Amino acid sequence: MFKKINRLIWLPLNWSPLIHTDRDFITDKYPSDICYLRMNDFPDEPLWTLFYKGESIDFDDTPSLWNVTYRDAK
């Protein structure tokens, strides 16, 4: 069965960091309480976890249609 969360991998999404964190990212396509992306402690964990409507999936490489904007290092 195809999970709804898997369809997000095929959508062009732009991700921006949440304020006060360098680990969680949001997209303007979905509310942050419905969908967010977390950068994990790689290599001990998968690099990314996507959370969407109570489901989650892990992966190491972001989908090619996604653009992740990182906070500038200070």
PDB file of N, CA and C in Angstrom:
ATOM      1  N   MET A   1       0.843  -1.190   0.000  1.00  0.00           N
ATOM      2  CA  MET A   1       0.000   0.000   0.000  1.00  0.00           C
ATOM      3  C   MET A   1       0.884   1.249   0.000  1.00  0.00           C
ATOM      4  N   PHE A   2       0.524   2.210  -0.797  1.00  0.00           N
ATOM      5  CA  PHE A   2       1.292   3.446  -0.927  1.00  0.00           C
ATOM      6  C   PHE A   2       0.858   4.422   0.166  1.00  0.00           C
ATOM      7  N   LYS A   3       1.799   4.797   1.029  1.00  0.00           N
ATOM      8  CA  LYS A   3       1.487   5.742   2.099  1.00  0.00           C
ATOM      9  C   LYS A   3       1.439   7.162   1.545  1.00  0.00           C
ATOM     10  N   LYS A   4       0.571   7.974   2.131  1.00  0.00           N
ATOM     11  CA  LYS A   4       0.438   9.369   1.693  1.00  0.00           C
ATOM     12  C   LYS A   4       1.750  10.136   1.828  1.00  0.00           C
ATOM     13  N   ILE A   5       2.537   9.792   2.842  1.00  0.00           N
ATOM     14  CA  ILE A   5       3.788  10.507   3.063  1.00  0.00           C
ATOM     15  C   ILE A   5       4.745  10.329   1.885  1.00  0.00           C
ATOM     16  N   ASN A   6       4.673   9.199   1.202  1.00  0.00           N
ATOM     17  CA  ASN A   6       5.592   8.930   0.085  1.00  0.00           C
ATOM     18  C   ASN A   6       5.375   9.867  -1.094  1.00  0.00           C
ATOM     19  N   ARG A   7       4.189  10.413  -1.241  1.00  0.00           N
ATOM     20  CA  ARG A   7       3.952  11.317  -2.373  1.00  0.00           C
ATOM     21  C   ARG A   7       4.706  12.633  -2.221  1.00  0.00           C
ATOM     22  N   LEU A   8       5.064  13.004  -0.997  1.00  0.00           N
ATOM     23  CA  LEU A   8       5.805  14.240  -0.786  1.00  0.00           C
ATOM     24  C   LEU A   8       7.194  14.184  -1.415  1.00  0.00           C
ATOM     25  N   ILE A   9       7.727  13.000  -1.552  1.00  0.00           N
ATOM     26  CA  ILE A   9       9.057  12.834  -2.149  1.00  0.00           C
ATOM     27  C   ILE A   9       9.051  13.262  -3.615  1.00  0.00           C
ATOM     28  N   TRP A  10       7.903  13.213  -4.253  1.00  0.00           N
ATOM     29  CA  TRP A  10       7.793  13.537  -5.673  1.00  0.00           C
ATOM     30  C   TRP A  10       7.286  14.962  -5.926  1.00  0.00           C
ATOM     31  N   LEU A  11       7.134  15.751  -4.867  1.00  0.00           N
ATOM     32  CA  LEU A  11       6.682  17.136  -5.018  1.00  0.00           C
ATOM     33  C   LEU A  11       7.858  18.094  -4.920  1.00  0.00           C
ATOM     34  N   PRO A  12       7.868  19.169  -5.712  1.00  0.00           N
ATOM     35  CA  PRO A  12       8.917  20.182  -5.554  1.00  0.00           C
ATOM     36  C   PRO A  12       8.616  21.017  -4.298  1.00  0.00           C
ATOM     37  N   LEU A  13       9.414  20.832  -3.280  1.00  0.00           N
ATOM     38  CA  LEU A  13       9.205  21.534  -2.008  1.00  0.00           C
ATOM     39  C   LEU A  13      10.450  22.332  -1.635  1.00  0.00           C
ATOM     40  N   ASN A  14      10.223  23.516  -1.110  1.00  0.00           N
ATOM     41  CA  ASN A  14      11.300  24.344  -0.576  1.00  0.00           C
ATOM     42  C   ASN A  14      11.215  24.291   0.942  1.00  0.00           C
ATOM     43  N   TRP A  15      12.322  23.984   1.575  1.00  0.00           N
ATOM     44  CA  TRP A  15      12.379  23.832   3.024  1.00  0.00           C
ATOM     45  C   TRP A  15      13.230  24.936   3.628  1.00  0.00           C
ATOM     46  N   SER A  16      12.741  25.541   4.701  1.00  0.00           N
ATOM     47  CA  SER A  16      13.452  26.602   5.426  1.00  0.00           C
ATOM     48  C   SER A  16      13.542  26.221   6.898  1.00  0.00           C
ATOM     49  N   PRO A  17      14.639  26.618   7.573  1.00  0.00           N
ATOM     50  CA  PRO A  17      14.760  26.261   8.984  1.00  0.00           C
ATOM     51  C   PRO A  17      13.744  26.996   9.853  1.00  0.00           C
ATOM     52  N   LEU A  18      13.257  26.303  10.846  1.00  0.00           N
ATOM     53  CA  LEU A  18      12.402  26.940  11.848  1.00  0.00           C
ATOM     54  C   LEU A  18      13.235  27.900  12.679  1.00  0.00           C
ATOM     55  N   ILE A  19      12.618  28.918  13.204  1.00  0.00           N
ATOM     56  CA  ILE A  19      13.319  29.870  14.074  1.00  0.00           C
ATOM     57  C   ILE A  19      13.797  29.134  15.322  1.00  0.00           C
ATOM     58  N   HIS A  20      14.986  29.438  15.775  1.00  0.00           N
ATOM     59  CA  HIS A  20      15.575  28.909  17.003  1.00  0.00           C
ATOM     60  C   HIS A  20      15.976  27.440  16.924  1.00  0.00           C
ATOM     61  N   THR A  21      16.068  26.887  15.727  1.00  0.00           N
ATOM     62  CA  THR A  21      16.569  25.522  15.601  1.00  0.00           C
ATOM     63  C   THR A  21      17.266  25.354  14.256  1.00  0.00           C
ATOM     64  N   ASP A  22      18.294  24.550  14.245  1.00  0.00           N
ATOM     65  CA  ASP A  22      18.977  24.231  13.000  1.00  0.00           C
ATOM     66  C   ASP A  22      18.623  22.830  12.530  1.00  0.00           C
ATOM     67  N   ARG A  23      17.779  22.143  13.259  1.00  0.00           N
ATOM     68  CA  ARG A  23      17.441  20.752  12.951  1.00  0.00           C
ATOM     69  C   ARG A  23      16.101  20.582  12.252  1.00  0.00           C
ATOM     70  N   ASP A  24      15.149  21.469  12.482  1.00  0.00           N
ATOM     71  CA  ASP A  24      13.805  21.313  11.928  1.00  0.00           C
ATOM     72  C   ASP A  24      13.566  22.326  10.817  1.00  0.00           C
ATOM     73  N   PHE A  25      12.952  21.834   9.737  1.00  0.00           N
ATOM     74  CA  PHE A  25      12.689  22.645   8.556  1.00  0.00           C
ATOM     75  C   PHE A  25      11.211  22.539   8.201  1.00  0.00           C
ATOM     76  N   ILE A  26      10.672  23.637   7.675  1.00  0.00           N
ATOM     77  CA  ILE A  26       9.267  23.664   7.264  1.00  0.00           C
ATOM     78  C   ILE A  26       9.179  24.073   5.802  1.00  0.00           C
ATOM     79  N   THR A  27       8.047  23.739   5.209  1.00  0.00           N
ATOM     80  CA  THR A  27       7.768  24.141   3.838  1.00  0.00           C
ATOM     81  C   THR A  27       6.528  25.033   3.834  1.00  0.00           C
ATOM     82  N   ASP A  28       6.449  25.908   2.859  1.00  0.00           N
ATOM     83  CA  ASP A  28       5.285  26.794   2.787  1.00  0.00           C
ATOM     84  C   ASP A  28       4.068  26.094   2.176  1.00  0.00           C
ATOM     85  N   LYS A  29       4.206  24.852   1.761  1.00  0.00           N
ATOM     86  CA  LYS A  29       3.092  24.103   1.166  1.00  0.00           C
ATOM     87  C   LYS A  29       2.173  23.475   2.207  1.00  0.00           C
ATOM     88  N   TYR A  30       2.690  23.236   3.419  1.00  0.00           N
ATOM     89  CA  TYR A  30       1.914  22.577   4.472  1.00  0.00           C
ATOM     90  C   TYR A  30       2.179  23.267   5.801  1.00  0.00           C
ATOM     91  N   PRO A  31       1.203  23.290   6.706  1.00  0.00           N
ATOM     92  CA  PRO A  31       1.431  23.858   8.041  1.00  0.00           C
ATOM     93  C   PRO A  31       2.472  23.024   8.802  1.00  0.00           C
ATOM     94  N   SER A  32       3.231  23.677   9.661  1.00  0.00           N
ATOM     95  CA  SER A  32       4.310  22.993  10.378  1.00  0.00           C
ATOM     96  C   SER A  32       3.805  21.929  11.345  1.00  0.00           C
ATOM     97  N   ASP A  33       2.560  22.018  11.785  1.00  0.00           N
ATOM     98  CA  ASP A  33       2.034  20.974  12.663  1.00  0.00           C
ATOM     99  C   ASP A  33       1.592  19.740  11.882  1.00  0.00           C
ATOM    100  N   ILE A  34       1.541  19.843  10.562  1.00  0.00           N
ATOM    101  CA  ILE A  34       1.172  18.723   9.687  1.00  0.00           C
ATOM    102  C   ILE A  34       2.414  18.099   9.055  1.00  0.00           C
ATOM    103  N   CYS A  35       3.398  18.926   8.706  1.00  0.00           N
ATOM    104  CA  CYS A  35       4.544  18.457   7.922  1.00  0.00           C
ATOM    105  C   CYS A  35       5.802  19.221   8.315  1.00  0.00           C
ATOM    106  N   TYR A  36       6.859  18.484   8.631  1.00  0.00           N
ATOM    107  CA  TYR A  36       8.162  19.110   8.841  1.00  0.00           C
ATOM    108  C   TYR A  36       9.261  18.093   8.582  1.00  0.00           C
ATOM    109  N   LEU A  37      10.453  18.602   8.401  1.00  0.00           N
ATOM    110  CA  LEU A  37      11.630  17.809   8.085  1.00  0.00           C
ATOM    111  C   LEU A  37      12.646  18.011   9.192  1.00  0.00           C
ATOM    112  N   ARG A  38      13.245  16.932   9.672  1.00  0.00           N
ATOM    113  CA  ARG A  38      14.234  17.033  10.750  1.00  0.00           C
ATOM    114  C   ARG A  38      15.574  16.463  10.294  1.00  0.00           C
ATOM    115  N   MET A  39      16.649  17.222  10.552  1.00  0.00           N
ATOM    116  CA  MET A  39      18.001  16.734  10.320  1.00  0.00           C
ATOM    117  C   MET A  39      18.443  16.002  11.590  1.00  0.00           C
ATOM    118  N   ASN A  40      18.852  14.758  11.426  1.00  0.00           N
ATOM    119  CA  ASN A  40      19.227  13.917  12.559  1.00  0.00           C
ATOM    120  C   ASN A  40      20.733  13.932  12.804  1.00  0.00           C
ATOM    121  N   ASP A  41      21.180  13.097  13.733  1.00  0.00           N
ATOM    122  CA  ASP A  41      22.595  12.975  14.093  1.00  0.00           C
ATOM    123  C   ASP A  41      23.263  11.930  13.198  1.00  0.00           C
ATOM    124  N   PHE A  42      23.568  12.353  11.996  1.00  0.00           N
ATOM    125  CA  PHE A  42      24.214  11.494  11.014  1.00  0.00           C
ATOM    126  C   PHE A  42      25.687  11.349  11.374  1.00  0.00           C
ATOM    127  N   PRO A  43      26.333  10.226  11.291  1.00  0.00           N
ATOM    128  CA  PRO A  43      25.949   8.969  10.664  1.00  0.00           C
ATOM    129  C   PRO A  43      25.333   7.941  11.620  1.00  0.00           C
ATOM    130  N   ASP A  44      25.151   8.305  12.876  1.00  0.00           N
ATOM    131  CA  ASP A  44      24.545   7.360  13.819  1.00  0.00           C
ATOM    132  C   ASP A  44      23.071   7.105  13.518  1.00  0.00           C
ATOM    133  N   GLU A  45      22.435   8.049  12.856  1.00  0.00           N
ATOM    134  CA  GLU A  45      21.020   7.946  12.477  1.00  0.00           C
ATOM    135  C   GLU A  45      20.907   8.310  11.003  1.00  0.00           C
ATOM    136  N   PRO A  46      19.785   8.002  10.366  1.00  0.00           N
ATOM    137  CA  PRO A  46      19.580   8.510   9.007  1.00  0.00           C
ATOM    138  C   PRO A  46      19.674  10.037   9.022  1.00  0.00           C
ATOM    139  N   LEU A  47      20.167  10.618   7.948  1.00  0.00           N
ATOM    140  CA  LEU A  47      20.371  12.072   7.923  1.00  0.00           C
ATOM    141  C   LEU A  47      19.073  12.849   8.111  1.00  0.00           C
ATOM    142  N   TRP A  48      17.975  12.384   7.503  1.00  0.00           N
ATOM    143  CA  TRP A  48      16.715  13.119   7.529  1.00  0.00           C
ATOM    144  C   TRP A  48      15.559  12.238   7.987  1.00  0.00           C
ATOM    145  N   THR A  49      14.586  12.872   8.655  1.00  0.00           N
ATOM    146  CA  THR A  49      13.292  12.249   8.930  1.00  0.00           C
ATOM    147  C   THR A  49      12.219  13.233   8.499  1.00  0.00           C
ATOM    148  N   LEU A  50      11.299  12.756   7.677  1.00  0.00           N
ATOM    149  CA  LEU A  50      10.161  13.547   7.243  1.00  0.00           C
ATOM    150  C   LEU A  50       8.953  13.127   8.061  1.00  0.00           C
ATOM    151  N   PHE A  51       8.272  14.105   8.649  1.00  0.00           N
ATOM    152  CA  PHE A  51       7.057  13.868   9.429  1.00  0.00           C
ATOM    153  C   PHE A  51       5.884  14.470   8.665  1.00  0.00           C
ATOM    154  N   TYR A  52       4.823  13.667   8.509  1.00  0.00           N
ATOM    155  CA  TYR A  52       3.644  14.135   7.776  1.00  0.00           C
ATOM    156  C   TYR A  52       2.414  13.416   8.308  1.00  0.00           C
ATOM    157  N   LYS A  53       1.503  14.176   8.888  1.00  0.00           N
ATOM    158  CA  LYS A  53       0.219  13.653   9.373  1.00  0.00           C
ATOM    159  C   LYS A  53       0.368  12.378  10.199  1.00  0.00           C
ATOM    160  N   GLY A  54       1.274  12.401  11.173  1.00  0.00           N
ATOM    161  CA  GLY A  54       1.450  11.269  12.078  1.00  0.00           C
ATOM    162  C   GLY A  54       2.317  10.150  11.540  1.00  0.00           C
ATOM    163  N   GLU A  55       2.767  10.245  10.304  1.00  0.00           N
ATOM    164  CA  GLU A  55       3.663   9.251   9.728  1.00  0.00           C
ATOM    165  C   GLU A  55       5.065   9.834   9.649  1.00  0.00           C
ATOM    166  N   SER A  56       6.055   8.972   9.530  1.00  0.00           N
ATOM    167  CA  SER A  56       7.427   9.443   9.337  1.00  0.00           C
ATOM    168  C   SER A  56       8.189   8.446   8.478  1.00  0.00           C
ATOM    169  N   ILE A  57       9.147   8.981   7.730  1.00  0.00           N
ATOM    170  CA  ILE A  57      10.073   8.148   6.965  1.00  0.00           C
ATOM    171  C   ILE A  57      11.466   8.738   7.107  1.00  0.00           C
ATOM    172  N   ASP A  58      12.462   7.867   7.068  1.00  0.00           N
ATOM    173  CA  ASP A  58      13.870   8.259   7.179  1.00  0.00           C
ATOM    174  C   ASP A  58      14.555   8.101   5.833  1.00  0.00           C
ATOM    175  N   PHE A  59      15.531   8.962   5.559  1.00  0.00           N
ATOM    176  CA  PHE A  59      16.347   8.832   4.357  1.00  0.00           C
ATOM    177  C   PHE A  59      17.626   9.625   4.542  1.00  0.00           C
ATOM    178  N   ASP A  60      18.617   9.332   3.707  1.00  0.00           N
ATOM    179  CA  ASP A  60      19.914   9.998   3.804  1.00  0.00           C
ATOM    180  C   ASP A  60      20.099  11.112   2.781  1.00  0.00           C
ATOM    181  N   ASP A  61      19.450  11.010   1.647  1.00  0.00           N
ATOM    182  CA  ASP A  61      19.570  12.035   0.609  1.00  0.00           C
ATOM    183  C   ASP A  61      18.210  12.671   0.365  1.00  0.00           C
ATOM    184  N   THR A  62      18.184  13.989   0.269  1.00  0.00           N
ATOM    185  CA  THR A  62      16.910  14.650  -0.016  1.00  0.00           C
ATOM    186  C   THR A  62      16.517  14.382  -1.459  1.00  0.00           C
ATOM    187  N   PRO A  63      15.231  14.304  -1.723  1.00  0.00           N
ATOM    188  CA  PRO A  63      14.763  14.105  -3.094  1.00  0.00           C
ATOM    189  C   PRO A  63      15.258  15.224  -4.013  1.00  0.00           C
ATOM    190  N   SER A  64      15.463  14.900  -5.265  1.00  0.00           N
ATOM    191  CA  SER A  64      16.030  15.867  -6.207  1.00  0.00           C
ATOM    192  C   SER A  64      15.131  17.079  -6.450  1.00  0.00           C
ATOM    193  N   LEU A  65      13.829  16.954  -6.205  1.00  0.00           N
ATOM    194  CA  LEU A  65      12.908  18.082  -6.402  1.00  0.00           C
ATOM    195  C   LEU A  65      12.838  19.021  -5.200  1.00  0.00           C
ATOM    196  N   TRP A  66      13.525  18.671  -4.128  1.00  0.00           N
ATOM    197  CA  TRP A  66      13.498  19.491  -2.918  1.00  0.00           C
ATOM    198  C   TRP A  66      14.667  20.465  -2.895  1.00  0.00           C
ATOM    199  N   ASN A  67      14.421  21.615  -2.288  1.00  0.00           N
ATOM    200  CA  ASN A  67      15.461  22.603  -2.044  1.00  0.00           C
ATOM    201  C   ASN A  67      15.464  22.906  -0.551  1.00  0.00           C
ATOM    202  N   VAL A  68      16.556  22.571   0.122  1.00  0.00           N
ATOM    203  CA  VAL A  68      16.672  22.835   1.560  1.00  0.00           C
ATOM    204  C   VAL A  68      17.577  24.034   1.754  1.00  0.00           C
ATOM    205  N   THR A  69      17.054  25.082   2.382  1.00  0.00           N
ATOM    206  CA  THR A  69      17.830  26.283   2.689  1.00  0.00           C
ATOM    207  C   THR A  69      18.322  26.160   4.137  1.00  0.00           C
ATOM    208  N   TYR A  70      19.637  26.228   4.296  1.00  0.00           N
ATOM    209  CA  TYR A  70      20.230  26.103   5.616  1.00  0.00           C
ATOM    210  C   TYR A  70      20.464  27.485   6.207  1.00  0.00           C
ATOM    211  N   ARG A  71      20.414  27.548   7.523  1.00  0.00           N
ATOM    212  CA  ARG A  71      20.717  28.788   8.225  1.00  0.00           C
ATOM    213  C   ARG A  71      22.205  29.101   8.039  1.00  0.00           C
ATOM    214  N   ASP A  72      22.530  30.357   7.826  1.00  0.00           N
ATOM    215  CA  ASP A  72      23.932  30.755   7.687  1.00  0.00           C
ATOM    216  C   ASP A  72      24.667  30.544   8.996  1.00  0.00           C
ATOM    217  N   ALA A  73      25.862  29.999   8.901  1.00  0.00           N
ATOM    218  CA  ALA A  73      26.696  29.818  10.098  1.00  0.00           C
ATOM    219  C   ALA A  73      27.182  31.187  10.555  1.00  0.00           C
ATOM    220  N   LYS A  74      27.199  31.366  11.861  1.00  0.00           N
ATOM    221  CA  LYS A  74      27.625  32.664  12.405  1.00  0.00           C
ATOM    222  C   LYS A  74      28.939  32.536  13.094  1.00  0.00           C
TER     223      LYS A  74
END
